[in-house]
PDB file of N, CA and C in Angstrom:
ATOM      1  N   MET A   1     -13.118   6.079  12.758  1.00  0.00           N
ATOM      2  CA  MET A   1     -12.402   7.139  12.083  1.00  0.00           C
ATOM      3  C   MET A   1     -11.050   6.600  11.602  1.00  0.00           C
ATOM      4  N   HIS A   2     -10.681   6.947  10.366  1.00  0.00           N
ATOM      5  CA  HIS A   2      -9.421   6.482   9.783  1.00  0.00           C
ATOM      6  C   HIS A   2      -8.276   7.405  10.185  1.00  0.00           C
ATOM      7  N   GLY A   3      -7.065   6.888  10.154  1.00  0.00           N
ATOM      8  CA  GLY A   3      -5.896   7.652  10.552  1.00  0.00           C
ATOM      9  C   GLY A   3      -5.654   8.887   9.704  1.00  0.00           C
ATOM     10  N   TYR A   4      -6.074   8.857   8.441  1.00  0.00           N
ATOM     11  CA  TYR A   4      -5.840   9.995   7.552  1.00  0.00           C
ATOM     12  C   TYR A   4      -6.931  11.055   7.632  1.00  0.00           C
ATOM     13  N   SER A   5      -7.974  10.825   8.404  1.00  0.00           N
ATOM     14  CA  SER A   5      -9.130  11.730   8.438  1.00  0.00           C
ATOM     15  C   SER A   5      -8.752  13.178   8.708  1.00  0.00           C
ATOM     16  N   GLY A   6      -7.808  13.404   9.589  1.00  0.00           N
ATOM     17  CA  GLY A   6      -7.395  14.760   9.906  1.00  0.00           C
ATOM     18  C   GLY A   6      -6.712  15.460   8.740  1.00  0.00           C
ATOM     19  N   ASP A   7      -6.126  14.675   7.841  1.00  0.00           N
ATOM     20  CA  ASP A   7      -5.408  15.223   6.689  1.00  0.00           C
ATOM     21  C   ASP A   7      -6.143  14.967   5.380  1.00  0.00           C
ATOM     22  N   LYS A   8      -7.414  14.639   5.464  1.00  0.00           N
ATOM     23  CA  LYS A   8      -8.181  14.248   4.281  1.00  0.00           C
ATOM     24  C   LYS A   8      -8.086  15.288   3.168  1.00  0.00           C
ATOM     25  N   GLN A   9      -8.286  16.555   3.500  1.00  0.00           N
ATOM     26  CA  GLN A   9      -8.254  17.598   2.468  1.00  0.00           C
ATOM     27  C   GLN A   9      -6.892  17.693   1.811  1.00  0.00           C
ATOM     28  N   ALA A  10      -5.835  17.569   2.602  1.00  0.00           N
ATOM     29  CA  ALA A  10      -4.483  17.625   2.043  1.00  0.00           C
ATOM     30  C   ALA A  10      -4.255  16.451   1.085  1.00  0.00           C
ATOM     31  N   TYR A  11      -4.722  15.265   1.466  1.00  0.00           N
ATOM     32  CA  TYR A  11      -4.587  14.101   0.580  1.00  0.00           C
ATOM     33  C   TYR A  11      -5.378  14.305  -0.705  1.00  0.00           C
ATOM     34  N   LEU A  12      -6.597  14.815  -0.573  1.00  0.00           N
ATOM     35  CA  LEU A  12      -7.410  15.053  -1.770  1.00  0.00           C
ATOM     36  C   LEU A  12      -6.749  16.076  -2.689  1.00  0.00           C
ATOM     37  N   THR A  13      -6.175  17.109  -2.118  1.00  0.00           N
ATOM     38  CA  THR A  13      -5.478  18.123  -2.917  1.00  0.00           C
ATOM     39  C   THR A  13      -4.302  17.504  -3.661  1.00  0.00           C
ATOM     40  N   ARG A  14      -3.526  16.692  -2.961  1.00  0.00           N
ATOM     41  CA  ARG A  14      -2.373  16.040  -3.584  1.00  0.00           C
ATOM     42  C   ARG A  14      -2.817  15.092  -4.686  1.00  0.00           C
ATOM     43  N   LEU A  15      -3.876  14.326  -4.429  1.00  0.00           N
ATOM     44  CA  LEU A  15      -4.352  13.385  -5.439  1.00  0.00           C
ATOM     45  C   LEU A  15      -4.915  14.105  -6.665  1.00  0.00           C
ATOM     46  N   ARG A  16      -5.555  15.224  -6.457  1.00  0.00           N
ATOM     47  CA  ARG A  16      -6.053  16.011  -7.610  1.00  0.00           C
ATOM     48  C   ARG A  16      -4.887  16.563  -8.425  1.00  0.00           C
ATOM     49  N   ARG A  17      -3.833  16.967  -7.740  1.00  0.00           N
ATOM     50  CA  ARG A  17      -2.642  17.452  -8.435  1.00  0.00           C
ATOM     51  C   ARG A  17      -2.032  16.314  -9.272  1.00  0.00           C
ATOM     52  N   ILE A  18      -1.975  15.129  -8.696  1.00  0.00           N
ATOM     53  CA  ILE A  18      -1.449  13.963  -9.423  1.00  0.00           C
ATOM     54  C   ILE A  18      -2.349  13.643 -10.607  1.00  0.00           C
ATOM     55  N   GLU A  19      -3.642  13.736 -10.403  1.00  0.00           N
ATOM     56  CA  GLU A  19      -4.590  13.509 -11.498  1.00  0.00           C
ATOM     57  C   GLU A  19      -4.294  14.476 -12.652  1.00  0.00           C
ATOM     58  N   GLY A  20      -3.991  15.714 -12.323  1.00  0.00           N
ATOM     59  CA  GLY A  20      -3.629  16.695 -13.342  1.00  0.00           C
ATOM     60  C   GLY A  20      -2.340  16.314 -14.053  1.00  0.00           C
ATOM     61  N   GLN A  21      -1.380  15.787 -13.287  1.00  0.00           N
ATOM     62  CA  GLN A  21      -0.133  15.324 -13.898  1.00  0.00           C
ATOM     63  C   GLN A  21      -0.407  14.201 -14.895  1.00  0.00           C
ATOM     64  N   ILE A  22      -1.291  13.289 -14.535  1.00  0.00           N
ATOM     65  CA  ILE A  22      -1.617  12.161 -15.424  1.00  0.00           C
ATOM     66  C   ILE A  22      -2.296  12.675 -16.693  1.00  0.00           C
ATOM     67  N   ARG A  23      -3.197  13.634 -16.534  1.00  0.00           N
ATOM     68  CA  ARG A  23      -3.836  14.215 -17.723  1.00  0.00           C
ATOM     69  C   ARG A  23      -2.793  14.888 -18.617  1.00  0.00           C
ATOM     70  N   GLY A  24      -1.818  15.538 -17.980  1.00  0.00           N
ATOM     71  CA  GLY A  24      -0.723  16.155 -18.727  1.00  0.00           C
ATOM     72  C   GLY A  24       0.081  15.118 -19.494  1.00  0.00           C
ATOM     73  N   LEU A  25       0.293  13.963 -18.871  1.00  0.00           N
ATOM     74  CA  LEU A  25       0.987  12.869 -19.557  1.00  0.00           C
ATOM     75  C   LEU A  25       0.207  12.401 -20.773  1.00  0.00           C
ATOM     76  N   GLN A  26      -1.098  12.286 -20.626  1.00  0.00           N
ATOM     77  CA  GLN A  26      -1.926  11.878 -21.759  1.00  0.00           C
ATOM     78  C   GLN A  26      -1.781  12.875 -22.907  1.00  0.00           C
ATOM     79  N   ARG A  27      -1.809  14.167 -22.570  1.00  0.00           N
ATOM     80  CA  ARG A  27      -1.642  15.207 -23.601  1.00  0.00           C
ATOM     81  C   ARG A  27      -0.281  15.094 -24.270  1.00  0.00           C
ATOM     82  N   MET A  28       0.743  14.834 -23.447  1.00  0.00           N
ATOM     83  CA  MET A  28       2.087  14.721 -24.011  1.00  0.00           C
ATOM     84  C   MET A  28       2.164  13.586 -25.026  1.00  0.00           C
ATOM     85  N   VAL A  29       1.538  12.461 -24.712  1.00  0.00           N
ATOM     86  CA  VAL A  29       1.536  11.330 -25.645  1.00  0.00           C
ATOM     87  C   VAL A  29       0.728  11.683 -26.890  1.00  0.00           C
ATOM     88  N   GLU A  30      -0.442  12.284 -26.686  1.00  0.00           N
ATOM     89  CA  GLU A  30      -1.266  12.690 -27.832  1.00  0.00           C
ATOM     90  C   GLU A  30      -0.510  13.647 -28.746  1.00  0.00           C
ATOM     91  N   GLU A  31       0.272  14.545 -28.162  1.00  0.00           N
ATOM     92  CA  GLU A  31       1.014  15.542 -28.937  1.00  0.00           C
ATOM     93  C   GLU A  31       2.373  15.021 -29.395  1.00  0.00           C
ATOM     94  N   GLU A  32       2.644  13.747 -29.101  1.00  0.00           N
ATOM     95  CA  GLU A  32       3.896  13.084 -29.491  1.00  0.00           C
ATOM     96  C   GLU A  32       5.123  13.833 -28.979  1.00  0.00           C
ATOM     97  N   SER A  33       5.092  14.156 -27.691  1.00  0.00           N
ATOM     98  CA  SER A  33       6.228  14.820 -27.053  1.00  0.00           C
ATOM     99  C   SER A  33       7.433  13.882 -27.030  1.00  0.00           C
ATOM    100  N   TYR A  34       8.567  14.455 -26.757  1.00  0.00           N
ATOM    101  CA  TYR A  34       9.819  13.703 -26.694  1.00  0.00           C
ATOM    102  C   TYR A  34       9.747  12.652 -25.580  1.00  0.00           C
ATOM    103  N   CYS A  35      10.209  11.450 -25.888  1.00  0.00           N
ATOM    104  CA  CYS A  35      10.112  10.300 -24.960  1.00  0.00           C
ATOM    105  C   CYS A  35      10.681  10.615 -23.572  1.00  0.00           C
ATOM    106  N   ILE A  36      11.852  11.209 -23.541  1.00  0.00           N
ATOM    107  CA  ILE A  36      12.505  11.490 -22.259  1.00  0.00           C
ATOM    108  C   ILE A  36      11.687  12.474 -21.434  1.00  0.00           C
ATOM    109  N   ASP A  37      11.062  13.442 -22.087  1.00  0.00           N
ATOM    110  CA  ASP A  37      10.207  14.391 -21.365  1.00  0.00           C
ATOM    111  C   ASP A  37       9.016  13.678 -20.735  1.00  0.00           C
ATOM    112  N   ILE A  38       8.433  12.730 -21.456  1.00  0.00           N
ATOM    113  CA  ILE A  38       7.306  11.954 -20.925  1.00  0.00           C
ATOM    114  C   ILE A  38       7.774  11.095 -19.755  1.00  0.00           C
ATOM    115  N   LEU A  39       8.902  10.437 -19.919  1.00  0.00           N
ATOM    116  CA  LEU A  39       9.435   9.593 -18.845  1.00  0.00           C
ATOM    117  C   LEU A  39       9.746  10.413 -17.592  1.00  0.00           C
ATOM    118  N   THR A  40      10.235  11.622 -17.784  1.00  0.00           N
ATOM    119  CA  THR A  40      10.509  12.500 -16.640  1.00  0.00           C
ATOM    120  C   THR A  40       9.218  12.796 -15.879  1.00  0.00           C
ATOM    121  N   GLN A  41       8.143  13.056 -16.605  1.00  0.00           N
ATOM    122  CA  GLN A  41       6.860  13.338 -15.965  1.00  0.00           C
ATOM    123  C   GLN A  41       6.257  12.082 -15.322  1.00  0.00           C
ATOM    124  N   VAL A  42       6.461  10.926 -15.946  1.00  0.00           N
ATOM    125  CA  VAL A  42       6.004   9.666 -15.333  1.00  0.00           C
ATOM    126  C   VAL A  42       6.715   9.471 -13.994  1.00  0.00           C
ATOM    127  N   SER A  43       8.009   9.734 -13.971  1.00  0.00           N
ATOM    128  CA  SER A  43       8.783   9.597 -12.745  1.00  0.00           C
ATOM    129  C   SER A  43       8.265  10.549 -11.663  1.00  0.00           C
ATOM    130  N   ALA A  44       7.947  11.774 -12.047  1.00  0.00           N
ATOM    131  CA  ALA A  44       7.431  12.754 -11.075  1.00  0.00           C
ATOM    132  C   ALA A  44       6.081  12.308 -10.517  1.00  0.00           C
ATOM    133  N   ALA A  45       5.205  11.800 -11.378  1.00  0.00           N
ATOM    134  CA  ALA A  45       3.892  11.328 -10.926  1.00  0.00           C
ATOM    135  C   ALA A  45       4.047  10.116 -10.016  1.00  0.00           C
ATOM    136  N   THR A  46       4.970   9.239 -10.353  1.00  0.00           N
ATOM    137  CA  THR A  46       5.224   8.054  -9.530  1.00  0.00           C
ATOM    138  C   THR A  46       5.708   8.461  -8.147  1.00  0.00           C
ATOM    139  N   ARG A  47       6.647   9.400  -8.092  1.00  0.00           N
ATOM    140  CA  ARG A  47       7.150   9.880  -6.787  1.00  0.00           C
ATOM    141  C   ARG A  47       6.039  10.528  -5.975  1.00  0.00           C
ATOM    142  N   ALA A  48       5.169  11.270  -6.655  1.00  0.00           N
ATOM    143  CA  ALA A  48       4.060  11.921  -5.946  1.00  0.00           C
ATOM    144  C   ALA A  48       3.115  10.880  -5.353  1.00  0.00           C
ATOM    145  N   LEU A  49       2.802   9.831  -6.108  1.00  0.00           N
ATOM    146  CA  LEU A  49       1.944   8.761  -5.581  1.00  0.00           C
ATOM    147  C   LEU A  49       2.621   8.025  -4.432  1.00  0.00           C
ATOM    148  N   GLN A  50       3.928   7.808  -4.547  1.00  0.00           N
ATOM    149  CA  GLN A  50       4.649   7.153  -3.462  1.00  0.00           C
ATOM    150  C   GLN A  50       4.617   8.001  -2.192  1.00  0.00           C
ATOM    151  N   ALA A  51       4.693   9.316  -2.336  1.00  0.00           N
ATOM    152  CA  ALA A  51       4.627  10.201  -1.170  1.00  0.00           C
ATOM    153  C   ALA A  51       3.262  10.104  -0.501  1.00  0.00           C
ATOM    154  N   VAL A  52       2.200  10.027  -1.308  1.00  0.00           N
ATOM    155  CA  VAL A  52       0.857   9.858  -0.745  1.00  0.00           C
ATOM    156  C   VAL A  52       0.777   8.518  -0.014  1.00  0.00           C
ATOM    157  N   ALA A  53       1.291   7.472  -0.645  1.00  0.00           N
ATOM    158  CA  ALA A  53       1.248   6.146  -0.027  1.00  0.00           C
ATOM    159  C   ALA A  53       1.996   6.124   1.301  1.00  0.00           C
ATOM    160  N   LEU A  54       3.168   6.718   1.333  1.00  0.00           N
ATOM    161  CA  LEU A  54       3.937   6.746   2.582  1.00  0.00           C
ATOM    162  C   LEU A  54       3.228   7.542   3.671  1.00  0.00           C
ATOM    163  N   GLY A  55       2.592   8.637   3.283  1.00  0.00           N
ATOM    164  CA  GLY A  55       1.832   9.419   4.257  1.00  0.00           C
ATOM    165  C   GLY A  55       0.666   8.631   4.827  1.00  0.00           C
ATOM    166  N   LEU A  56      -0.050   7.940   3.947  1.00  0.00           N
ATOM    167  CA  LEU A  56      -1.171   7.112   4.407  1.00  0.00           C
ATOM    168  C   LEU A  56      -0.692   5.979   5.311  1.00  0.00           C
ATOM    169  N   LEU A  57       0.429   5.383   4.945  1.00  0.00           N
ATOM    170  CA  LEU A  57       0.984   4.305   5.767  1.00  0.00           C
ATOM    171  C   LEU A  57       1.378   4.829   7.150  1.00  0.00           C
ATOM    172  N   GLU A  58       2.012   5.987   7.167  1.00  0.00           N
ATOM    173  CA  GLU A  58       2.391   6.586   8.452  1.00  0.00           C
ATOM    174  C   GLU A  58       1.160   6.886   9.297  1.00  0.00           C
ATOM    175  N   ASP A  59       0.135   7.436   8.679  1.00  0.00           N
ATOM    176  CA  ASP A  59      -1.106   7.716   9.400  1.00  0.00           C
ATOM    177  C   ASP A  59      -1.742   6.418   9.910  1.00  0.00           C
ATOM    178  N   HIS A  60      -1.715   5.374   9.084  1.00  0.00           N
ATOM    179  CA  HIS A  60      -2.315   4.095   9.477  1.00  0.00           C
ATOM    180  C   HIS A  60      -1.589   3.515  10.696  1.00  0.00           C
ATOM    181  N   ILE A  61      -0.268   3.530  10.635  1.00  0.00           N
ATOM    182  CA  ILE A  61       0.504   2.980  11.755  1.00  0.00           C
ATOM    183  C   ILE A  61       0.310   3.846  13.003  1.00  0.00           C
ATOM    184  N   GLY A  62       0.341   5.150  12.828  1.00  0.00           N
ATOM    185  CA  GLY A  62       0.219   6.056  13.964  1.00  0.00           C
ATOM    186  C   GLY A  62      -1.149   6.064  14.607  1.00  0.00           C
ATOM    187  N   HIS A  63      -2.163   5.691  13.860  1.00  0.00           N
ATOM    188  CA  HIS A  63      -3.527   5.739  14.397  1.00  0.00           C
ATOM    189  C   HIS A  63      -4.114   4.341  14.543  1.00  0.00           C
ATOM    190  N   CYS A  64      -4.378   3.697  13.446  1.00  0.00           N
ATOM    191  CA  CYS A  64      -5.095   2.414  13.463  1.00  0.00           C
ATOM    192  C   CYS A  64      -4.311   1.313  14.169  1.00  0.00           C
ATOM    193  N   VAL A  65      -3.031   1.172  13.797  1.00  0.00           N
ATOM    194  CA  VAL A  65      -2.217   0.104  14.395  1.00  0.00           C
ATOM    195  C   VAL A  65      -1.966   0.411  15.872  1.00  0.00           C
ATOM    196  N   THR A  66      -1.634   1.650  16.178  1.00  0.00           N
ATOM    197  CA  THR A  66      -1.376   2.034  17.569  1.00  0.00           C
ATOM    198  C   THR A  66      -2.609   1.810  18.449  1.00  0.00           C
ATOM    199  N   ASP A  67      -3.776   2.212  17.952  1.00  0.00           N
ATOM    200  CA  ASP A  67      -5.008   1.998  18.718  1.00  0.00           C
ATOM    201  C   ASP A  67      -5.273   0.511  18.950  1.00  0.00           C
ATOM    202  N   ALA A  68      -5.054  -0.299  17.927  1.00  0.00           N
ATOM    203  CA  ALA A  68      -5.285  -1.744  18.054  1.00  0.00           C
ATOM    204  C   ALA A  68      -4.311  -2.363  19.052  1.00  0.00           C
ATOM    205  N   ILE A  69      -3.065  -1.940  19.018  1.00  0.00           N
ATOM    206  CA  ILE A  69      -2.071  -2.478  19.957  1.00  0.00           C
ATOM    207  C   ILE A  69      -2.427  -2.070  21.385  1.00  0.00           C
ATOM    208  N   ASN A  70      -2.836  -0.829  21.566  1.00  0.00           N
ATOM    209  CA  ASN A  70      -3.224  -0.368  22.905  1.00  0.00           C
ATOM    210  C   ASN A  70      -4.436  -1.134  23.427  1.00  0.00           C
ATOM    211  N   ALA A  71      -5.350  -1.498  22.522  1.00  0.00           N
ATOM    212  CA  ALA A  71      -6.538  -2.263  22.927  1.00  0.00           C
ATOM    213  C   ALA A  71      -6.182  -3.723  23.175  1.00  0.00           C
ATOM    214  N   GLY A  72      -5.145  -4.206  22.501  1.00  0.00           N
ATOM    215  CA  GLY A  72      -4.724  -5.602  22.667  1.00  0.00           C
ATOM    216  C   GLY A  72      -5.647  -6.564  21.953  1.00  0.00           C
ATOM    217  N   GLY A  73      -5.425  -7.832  22.177  1.00  0.00           N
ATOM    218  CA  GLY A  73      -6.264  -8.866  21.592  1.00  0.00           C
ATOM    219  C   GLY A  73      -5.863  -9.206  20.159  1.00  0.00           C
ATOM    220  N   PRO A  74      -6.675 -10.035  19.524  1.00  0.00           N
ATOM    221  CA  PRO A  74      -6.349 -10.518  18.175  1.00  0.00           C
ATOM    222  C   PRO A  74      -6.345  -9.409  17.117  1.00  0.00           C
ATOM    223  N   GLU A  75      -7.099  -8.353  17.366  1.00  0.00           N
ATOM    224  CA  GLU A  75      -7.127  -7.255  16.390  1.00  0.00           C
ATOM    225  C   GLU A  75      -5.745  -6.607  16.266  1.00  0.00           C
ATOM    226  N   ALA A  76      -5.014  -6.535  17.356  1.00  0.00           N
ATOM    227  CA  ALA A  76      -3.681  -5.928  17.333  1.00  0.00           C
ATOM    228  C   ALA A  76      -2.764  -6.685  16.383  1.00  0.00           C
ATOM    229  N   GLU A  77      -2.752  -7.997  16.511  1.00  0.00           N
ATOM    230  CA  GLU A  77      -1.909  -8.822  15.637  1.00  0.00           C
ATOM    231  C   GLU A  77      -2.334  -8.681  14.180  1.00  0.00           C
ATOM    232  N   GLU A  78      -3.630  -8.628  13.947  1.00  0.00           N
ATOM    233  CA  GLU A  78      -4.162  -8.487  12.594  1.00  0.00           C
ATOM    234  C   GLU A  78      -3.737  -7.151  11.968  1.00  0.00           C
ATOM    235  N   LYS A  79      -3.799  -6.069  12.744  1.00  0.00           N
ATOM    236  CA  LYS A  79      -3.405  -4.747  12.235  1.00  0.00           C
ATOM    237  C   LYS A  79      -1.917  -4.694  11.911  1.00  0.00           C
ATOM    238  N   VAL A  80      -1.089  -5.339  12.720  1.00  0.00           N
ATOM    239  CA  VAL A  80       0.350  -5.373  12.458  1.00  0.00           C
ATOM    240  C   VAL A  80       0.618  -6.155  11.174  1.00  0.00           C
ATOM    241  N   LYS A  81      -0.039  -7.298  11.003  1.00  0.00           N
ATOM    242  CA  LYS A  81       0.124  -8.082   9.772  1.00  0.00           C
ATOM    243  C   LYS A  81      -0.338  -7.295   8.556  1.00  0.00           C
ATOM    244  N   GLU A  82      -1.448  -6.603   8.704  1.00  0.00           N
ATOM    245  CA  GLU A  82      -1.996  -5.780   7.624  1.00  0.00           C
ATOM    246  C   GLU A  82      -0.998  -4.682   7.230  1.00  0.00           C
ATOM    247  N   ALA A  83      -0.413  -4.015   8.215  1.00  0.00           N
ATOM    248  CA  ALA A  83       0.571  -2.965   7.938  1.00  0.00           C
ATOM    249  C   ALA A  83       1.816  -3.548   7.284  1.00  0.00           C
ATOM    250  N   SER A  84       2.254  -4.703   7.753  1.00  0.00           N
ATOM    251  CA  SER A  84       3.428  -5.359   7.162  1.00  0.00           C
ATOM    252  C   SER A  84       3.182  -5.710   5.703  1.00  0.00           C
ATOM    253  N   ALA A  85       1.991  -6.203   5.406  1.00  0.00           N
ATOM    254  CA  ALA A  85       1.635  -6.535   4.012  1.00  0.00           C
ATOM    255  C   ALA A  85       1.619  -5.280   3.141  1.00  0.00           C
ATOM    256  N   ALA A  86       1.110  -4.191   3.693  1.00  0.00           N
ATOM    257  CA  ALA A  86       1.064  -2.925   2.940  1.00  0.00           C
ATOM    258  C   ALA A  86       2.490  -2.433   2.668  1.00  0.00           C
ATOM    259  N   ILE A  87       3.358  -2.549   3.645  1.00  0.00           N
ATOM    260  CA  ILE A  87       4.763  -2.148   3.457  1.00  0.00           C
ATOM    261  C   ILE A  87       5.404  -3.004   2.382  1.00  0.00           C
ATOM    262  N   ALA A  88       5.157  -4.304   2.426  1.00  0.00           N
ATOM    263  CA  ALA A  88       5.709  -5.204   1.408  1.00  0.00           C
ATOM    264  C   ALA A  88       5.243  -4.818   0.007  1.00  0.00           C
ATOM    265  N   ARG A  89       3.964  -4.467  -0.136  1.00  0.00           N
ATOM    266  CA  ARG A  89       3.444  -4.048  -1.445  1.00  0.00           C
ATOM    267  C   ARG A  89       4.138  -2.782  -1.926  1.00  0.00           C
ATOM    268  N   LEU A  90       4.353  -1.845  -1.010  1.00  0.00           N
ATOM    269  CA  LEU A  90       5.002  -0.585  -1.389  1.00  0.00           C
ATOM    270  C   LEU A  90       6.450  -0.813  -1.789  1.00  0.00           C
ATOM    271  N   VAL A  91       7.126  -1.702  -1.099  1.00  0.00           N
ATOM    272  CA  VAL A  91       8.526  -1.975  -1.405  1.00  0.00           C
ATOM    273  C   VAL A  91       8.656  -2.631  -2.782  1.00  0.00           C
ATOM    274  N   ARG A  92       7.699  -3.470  -3.130  1.00  0.00           N
ATOM    275  CA  ARG A  92       7.733  -4.154  -4.441  1.00  0.00           C
ATOM    276  C   ARG A  92       7.404  -3.222  -5.584  1.00  0.00           C
ATOM    277  N   SER A  93       6.692  -2.131  -5.305  1.00  0.00           N
ATOM    278  CA  SER A  93       6.258  -1.267  -6.420  1.00  0.00           C
ATOM    279  C   SER A  93       7.313  -0.280  -6.847  1.00  0.00           C
TER     280      SER A  93
END
């Protein structure tokens, strides 16, 4: 079971909302909306995706990494490295 399983529906709802935002952006470009208005919506969609990413990361650390550390062994070290790499990717984006 994944760390986000308990919040799966909430994540799906948020992602569908973001999907709607992206479709709205496409419409704005098709309708040649004002550049700043489009950029404002891009920023909002980006923040929404970052919020999903942070939630997933928190769930991963709270569940998957914690379980691996409690179990010990090489899997624990691997999960910590995996989480660190995910954090690095998020920081770069």
